[in-house]
């Protein structure tokens, strides 16, 4: 589950994000290069929040092998620490 407390610094504002546990596997950028970008270390982040591409975002969220992709509006996708 993605941790909103560990959001990648380059995520655009909005509900969708990638946390810092990204392992640079290319899964999310392969699924949706329109939404996800890569930093200098090849870590993914959300570069554009596109509601018209929500199905692709959901596919990336569900495909992430380390569950680093999250949606603040979907509590099931989140790891919230107290």
C-alpha atoms as a PDB file:
ATOM      1  CA  UNK A   1       0.000   0.000   0.000  1.00  0.00           C
ATOM      2  CA  UNK A   2       1.277   3.443  -0.917  1.00  0.00           C
ATOM      3  CA  UNK A   3       2.312   5.741   1.906  1.00  0.00           C
ATOM      4  CA  UNK A   4       1.096   9.337   1.516  1.00  0.00           C
ATOM      5  CA  UNK A   5       3.698  10.382   4.094  1.00  0.00           C
ATOM      6  CA  UNK A   6       6.438   9.262   1.680  1.00  0.00           C
ATOM      7  CA  UNK A   7       5.203  10.992  -1.494  1.00  0.00           C
ATOM      8  CA  UNK A   8       7.859  11.589  -4.138  1.00  0.00           C
ATOM      9  CA  UNK A   9       8.733  15.317  -4.141  1.00  0.00           C
ATOM     10  CA  UNK A  10       8.056  15.653  -7.878  1.00  0.00           C
ATOM     11  CA  UNK A  11       4.452  14.432  -7.794  1.00  0.00           C
ATOM     12  CA  UNK A  12       2.035  17.074  -9.074  1.00  0.00           C
ATOM     13  CA  UNK A  13      -0.585  18.183  -6.600  1.00  0.00           C
ATOM     14  CA  UNK A  14      -3.673  16.037  -6.535  1.00  0.00           C
ATOM     15  CA  UNK A  15      -4.882  12.733  -5.180  1.00  0.00           C
ATOM     16  CA  UNK A  16      -2.649  10.495  -7.307  1.00  0.00           C
ATOM     17  CA  UNK A  17       0.955   9.907  -6.240  1.00  0.00           C
ATOM     18  CA  UNK A  18       3.955   7.597  -6.173  1.00  0.00           C
ATOM     19  CA  UNK A  19       5.812   7.154  -2.905  1.00  0.00           C
ATOM     20  CA  UNK A  20       9.575   6.922  -2.405  1.00  0.00           C
ATOM     21  CA  UNK A  21       9.560   3.117  -2.314  1.00  0.00           C
ATOM     22  CA  UNK A  22       9.519   3.038  -6.136  1.00  0.00           C
ATOM     23  CA  UNK A  23      12.067   0.508  -7.458  1.00  0.00           C
ATOM     24  CA  UNK A  24      12.316   1.939 -10.998  1.00  0.00           C
ATOM     25  CA  UNK A  25      10.713  -1.110 -12.603  1.00  0.00           C
ATOM     26  CA  UNK A  26       9.029   0.881 -15.424  1.00  0.00           C
ATOM     27  CA  UNK A  27       5.624  -0.733 -14.835  1.00  0.00           C
ATOM     28  CA  UNK A  28       3.664   2.493 -14.326  1.00  0.00           C
ATOM     29  CA  UNK A  29       5.481   4.404 -17.062  1.00  0.00           C
ATOM     30  CA  UNK A  30       4.900   1.512 -19.471  1.00  0.00           C
ATOM     31  CA  UNK A  31       1.187   1.423 -18.595  1.00  0.00           C
ATOM     32  CA  UNK A  32       0.676   5.184 -18.728  1.00  0.00           C
ATOM     33  CA  UNK A  33       3.535   7.429 -19.872  1.00  0.00           C
ATOM     34  CA  UNK A  34       1.013  10.268 -20.085  1.00  0.00           C
ATOM     35  CA  UNK A  35       0.586  10.244 -16.300  1.00  0.00           C
ATOM     36  CA  UNK A  36       3.911   9.011 -14.918  1.00  0.00           C
ATOM     37  CA  UNK A  37       7.365  10.497 -15.317  1.00  0.00           C
ATOM     38  CA  UNK A  38      10.835   9.544 -14.073  1.00  0.00           C
ATOM     39  CA  UNK A  39      13.353  11.537 -12.076  1.00  0.00           C
ATOM     40  CA  UNK A  40      17.143  11.504 -12.561  1.00  0.00           C
ATOM     41  CA  UNK A  41      17.358   8.265 -10.544  1.00  0.00           C
ATOM     42  CA  UNK A  42      14.593   6.706 -12.685  1.00  0.00           C
ATOM     43  CA  UNK A  43      12.124   6.768  -9.771  1.00  0.00           C
ATOM     44  CA  UNK A  44       8.534   7.289 -10.907  1.00  0.00           C
ATOM     45  CA  UNK A  45       6.253  10.158  -9.967  1.00  0.00           C
ATOM     46  CA  UNK A  46       2.897  11.486 -11.152  1.00  0.00           C
ATOM     47  CA  UNK A  47       3.667  14.224 -13.636  1.00  0.00           C
ATOM     48  CA  UNK A  48       0.119  14.906 -14.766  1.00  0.00           C
ATOM     49  CA  UNK A  49      -3.196  14.238 -13.067  1.00  0.00           C
ATOM     50  CA  UNK A  50      -5.514  13.313 -15.944  1.00  0.00           C
ATOM     51  CA  UNK A  51      -8.986  12.220 -14.856  1.00  0.00           C
ATOM     52  CA  UNK A  52      -9.684  11.114 -18.444  1.00  0.00           C
ATOM     53  CA  UNK A  53      -6.896   8.524 -18.002  1.00  0.00           C
ATOM     54  CA  UNK A  54      -8.155   7.091 -14.691  1.00  0.00           C
ATOM     55  CA  UNK A  55      -8.440   3.547 -16.069  1.00  0.00           C
ATOM     56  CA  UNK A  56      -4.747   3.576 -16.981  1.00  0.00           C
ATOM     57  CA  UNK A  57      -3.838   5.051 -13.591  1.00  0.00           C
ATOM     58  CA  UNK A  58      -5.810   2.263 -11.859  1.00  0.00           C
ATOM     59  CA  UNK A  59      -4.027  -0.326 -13.974  1.00  0.00           C
ATOM     60  CA  UNK A  60      -0.652   1.102 -12.922  1.00  0.00           C
ATOM     61  CA  UNK A  61      -1.736   1.229  -9.269  1.00  0.00           C
ATOM     62  CA  UNK A  62      -2.799  -2.415  -9.343  1.00  0.00           C
ATOM     63  CA  UNK A  63       0.321  -3.512 -11.265  1.00  0.00           C
ATOM     64  CA  UNK A  64       2.974  -1.848  -9.087  1.00  0.00           C
ATOM     65  CA  UNK A  65       5.036  -4.686  -7.589  1.00  0.00           C
ATOM     66  CA  UNK A  66       5.897  -2.703  -4.432  1.00  0.00           C
ATOM     67  CA  UNK A  67       2.543  -0.890  -4.090  1.00  0.00           C
ATOM     68  CA  UNK A  68       4.202   2.532  -4.377  1.00  0.00           C
ATOM     69  CA  UNK A  69       1.349   4.032  -6.431  1.00  0.00           C
ATOM     70  CA  UNK A  70      -1.508   5.519  -4.423  1.00  0.00           C
ATOM     71  CA  UNK A  71      -4.684   7.544  -4.589  1.00  0.00           C
ATOM     72  CA  UNK A  72      -5.616   9.766  -1.651  1.00  0.00           C
ATOM     73  CA  UNK A  73      -9.283   9.304  -2.558  1.00  0.00           C
ATOM     74  CA  UNK A  74      -9.015   5.500  -2.361  1.00  0.00           C
ATOM     75  CA  UNK A  75      -8.262   4.433   1.230  1.00  0.00           C
ATOM     76  CA  UNK A  76      -7.718   0.817   0.137  1.00  0.00           C
ATOM     77  CA  UNK A  77      -4.614   1.911  -1.817  1.00  0.00           C
ATOM     78  CA  UNK A  78      -3.048   3.711   1.170  1.00  0.00           C
ATOM     79  CA  UNK A  79      -0.848   2.868   4.100  1.00  0.00           C
ATOM     80  CA  UNK A  80      -1.670   5.447   6.730  1.00  0.00           C
ATOM     81  CA  UNK A  81       0.568   5.638   9.744  1.00  0.00           C
ATOM     82  CA  UNK A  82      -0.768   6.985  12.985  1.00  0.00           C
END
